[in-house]
């Protein structure tokens, strides 16, 4: 599934577990994989360890958590039809995190995979702010413009900024 963007798009979209199960069973059956709905229900979602991937995922995936337990890495969720332009990014993360696909397919990428990835685009702007200054309004206005994505108060970004990369065990060169 992680190597098939069409499967990801189809499976990540439904919030209803029954629709997800039907699509997942259809996808697996078409590939000769024998699964039943109970197989999906038996996989624990909470506390699952993300699968470590050495490449950054496709554009529909967004980083939702920064961790440094096993070296600095980002955990990702597939946002499908969920807009990250919510007034607060954590609201969109919560919505995406409840989707059955994201509960099943947890992935993480080490930060050391970041340099040299030509698919990545640098942000065209950052708004640094203080509380109660109108930054949420500015963010929502920017996000409403066609072709723009505005991510407000993204906790992974904040965590990366606060991380002590001077730590020799950080594994980043």
Protein backbone atom coordinates (compact mmCIF):
# COMPACT_ATOMS: atom_id res chain seq x y z
CA UNK A 1 0.00 0.00 0.00
CA UNK A 2 2.79 2.42 0.84
CA UNK A 3 4.21 2.05 -2.66
CA UNK A 4 0.82 2.60 -4.36
CA UNK A 5 -0.37 6.26 -4.28
CA UNK A 6 -3.76 5.35 -5.78
CA UNK A 7 -4.37 2.78 -3.03
CA UNK A 8 -3.32 5.32 -0.42
CA UNK A 9 -5.76 7.91 -1.79
CA UNK A 10 -8.62 5.42 -1.86
CA UNK A 11 -7.94 3.92 1.56
CA UNK A 12 -7.07 7.15 3.40
CA UNK A 13 -10.26 8.99 2.45
CA UNK A 14 -13.03 7.17 4.37
CA UNK A 15 -13.56 8.02 8.01
CA UNK A 16 -16.10 5.22 8.36
CA UNK A 17 -14.35 1.98 9.37
CA UNK A 18 -16.86 -0.13 7.39
CA UNK A 19 -16.08 1.73 4.15
CA UNK A 20 -12.35 1.50 4.85
CA UNK A 21 -12.62 -2.25 5.49
CA UNK A 22 -14.58 -2.82 2.28
CA UNK A 23 -12.02 -0.89 0.22
CA UNK A 24 -9.07 -2.55 1.94
CA UNK A 25 -10.52 -6.04 1.49
CA UNK A 26 -11.18 -5.29 -2.19
CA UNK A 27 -7.62 -4.01 -2.66
CA UNK A 28 -6.04 -7.01 -0.93
CA UNK A 29 -8.30 -9.53 -2.72
CA UNK A 30 -7.32 -8.04 -6.10
CA UNK A 31 -3.70 -8.80 -5.19
CA UNK A 32 -4.28 -12.33 -3.91
CA UNK A 33 -3.90 -11.36 -0.25
CA UNK A 34 -6.35 -13.19 1.96
CA UNK A 35 -7.68 -10.98 4.71
CA UNK A 36 -10.97 -10.65 6.53
CA UNK A 37 -12.51 -7.65 8.27
CA UNK A 38 -11.55 -9.16 11.65
CA UNK A 39 -7.89 -8.98 10.59
CA UNK A 40 -8.12 -5.17 10.50
CA UNK A 41 -9.95 -4.96 13.80
CA UNK A 42 -7.32 -7.06 15.57
CA UNK A 43 -4.48 -4.65 14.78
CA UNK A 44 -3.97 -2.29 17.72
CA UNK A 45 -3.97 1.35 16.62
CA UNK A 46 -3.00 3.09 19.82
CA UNK A 47 0.63 2.77 20.67
CA UNK A 48 1.59 1.16 17.35
CA UNK A 49 5.21 1.75 16.48
CA UNK A 50 5.54 3.59 13.17
CA UNK A 51 7.21 1.87 10.25
CA UNK A 52 10.53 3.60 9.55
CA UNK A 53 10.94 4.67 5.92
CA UNK A 54 14.14 6.12 4.53
CA UNK A 55 12.34 8.29 2.00
CA UNK A 56 9.86 11.08 2.54
CA UNK A 57 6.27 10.09 1.76
CA UNK A 58 4.14 11.57 -1.01
CA UNK A 59 2.68 15.04 -0.84
CA UNK A 60 -0.62 13.94 0.73
CA UNK A 61 1.28 12.93 3.87
CA UNK A 62 2.13 15.67 6.37
CA UNK A 63 4.44 15.54 9.37
CA UNK A 64 2.41 15.45 12.58
CA UNK A 65 4.93 14.62 15.29
CA UNK A 66 8.63 15.07 15.89
CA UNK A 67 10.36 12.52 18.08
CA UNK A 68 13.96 11.92 19.01
CA UNK A 69 13.87 8.66 20.99
CA UNK A 70 15.53 6.67 18.17
CA UNK A 71 17.18 9.66 16.51
CA UNK A 72 15.38 12.73 15.20
CA UNK A 73 12.46 11.74 13.00
CA UNK A 74 9.08 12.89 11.80
CA UNK A 75 5.91 10.84 12.03
CA UNK A 76 3.42 11.30 9.20
CA UNK A 77 -0.32 11.00 8.54
CA UNK A 78 -2.07 10.85 5.18
CA UNK A 79 -4.37 13.87 4.96
CA UNK A 80 -6.39 12.71 1.92
CA UNK A 81 -9.26 15.21 1.68
CA UNK A 82 -8.54 16.87 5.04
CA UNK A 83 -7.34 20.45 4.71
CA UNK A 84 -4.39 21.42 6.91
CA UNK A 85 -5.79 24.98 6.71
CA UNK A 86 -7.83 24.43 9.88
CA UNK A 87 -7.55 27.32 12.33
CA UNK A 88 -5.11 25.16 14.29
CA UNK A 89 -3.07 22.40 12.65
CA UNK A 90 -3.63 20.05 15.60
CA UNK A 91 -7.37 20.02 14.76
CA UNK A 92 -6.59 18.67 11.29
CA UNK A 93 -4.09 16.21 12.79
CA UNK A 94 -6.73 14.91 15.15
CA UNK A 95 -9.22 14.45 12.31
CA UNK A 96 -6.64 12.64 10.16
CA UNK A 97 -5.48 10.53 13.10
CA UNK A 98 -8.95 9.08 13.61
CA UNK A 99 -9.15 7.79 10.05
CA UNK A 100 -8.81 3.98 9.93
CA UNK A 101 -6.03 4.12 7.32
CA UNK A 102 -3.86 6.35 9.52
CA UNK A 103 -4.53 4.23 12.57
CA UNK A 104 -3.20 1.25 10.62
CA UNK A 105 -0.43 2.76 8.45
CA UNK A 106 1.84 4.71 10.78
CA UNK A 107 5.12 5.83 9.24
CA UNK A 108 8.14 7.87 10.32
CA UNK A 109 11.16 9.24 8.47
CA UNK A 110 14.55 10.10 9.99
CA UNK A 111 15.50 13.75 9.56
CA UNK A 112 18.78 12.64 8.01
CA UNK A 113 16.74 11.62 4.92
CA UNK A 114 15.75 15.27 4.42
CA UNK A 115 18.84 16.72 2.69
CA UNK A 116 18.90 16.14 -1.03
CA UNK A 117 15.23 15.21 -1.51
CA UNK A 118 14.36 17.15 -4.67
CA UNK A 119 10.59 16.71 -4.25
CA UNK A 120 10.55 19.04 -1.26
CA UNK A 121 9.62 22.69 -1.60
CA UNK A 122 10.72 25.27 0.90
CA UNK A 123 7.96 27.35 2.49
CA UNK A 124 7.48 30.71 0.83
CA UNK A 125 6.82 32.40 4.14
CA UNK A 126 6.61 32.04 7.88
CA UNK A 127 4.57 34.11 10.30
CA UNK A 128 6.06 34.33 13.77
CA UNK A 129 3.63 35.73 16.29
CA UNK A 130 2.57 36.26 19.85
CA UNK A 131 -0.78 35.29 21.34
CA UNK A 132 -3.81 37.38 20.52
CA UNK A 133 -2.20 39.35 17.71
CA UNK A 134 -4.43 38.31 14.79
CA UNK A 135 -2.09 35.65 13.41
CA UNK A 136 -4.92 33.08 13.17
CA UNK A 137 -6.88 35.49 10.98
CA UNK A 138 -3.80 36.10 8.80
CA UNK A 139 -3.21 32.35 8.53
CA UNK A 140 -6.83 31.69 7.53
CA UNK A 141 -6.76 34.48 4.93
CA UNK A 142 -3.56 33.12 3.38
CA UNK A 143 -4.94 29.58 3.39
CA UNK A 144 -8.14 30.71 1.65
CA UNK A 145 -6.20 31.92 -1.39
CA UNK A 146 -6.18 29.33 -4.21
CA UNK A 147 -2.94 27.38 -4.43
CA UNK A 148 -1.85 28.25 -0.90
CA UNK A 149 -1.53 26.08 2.16
CA UNK A 150 -1.38 27.73 5.54
CA UNK A 151 -0.53 25.57 8.53
CA UNK A 152 -1.18 27.32 11.82
CA UNK A 153 0.68 26.42 15.00
CA UNK A 154 2.22 23.21 13.71
CA UNK A 155 3.59 21.38 16.73
CA UNK A 156 6.13 19.29 14.69
CA UNK A 157 7.69 22.51 13.37
CA UNK A 158 7.86 23.94 16.87
CA UNK A 159 9.40 20.72 18.23
CA UNK A 160 12.11 20.71 15.55
CA UNK A 161 12.93 24.35 16.33
CA UNK A 162 13.23 23.57 20.05
CA UNK A 163 15.28 20.37 19.62
CA UNK A 164 18.92 20.50 20.73
CA UNK A 165 20.75 19.38 17.60
CA UNK A 166 24.06 20.09 19.31
CA UNK A 167 23.55 16.80 21.16
CA UNK A 168 26.18 14.38 19.76
CA UNK A 169 23.59 11.58 19.89
CA UNK A 170 21.22 13.50 17.59
CA UNK A 171 22.51 11.63 14.48
CA UNK A 172 22.23 14.71 12.26
CA UNK A 173 25.27 16.04 10.46
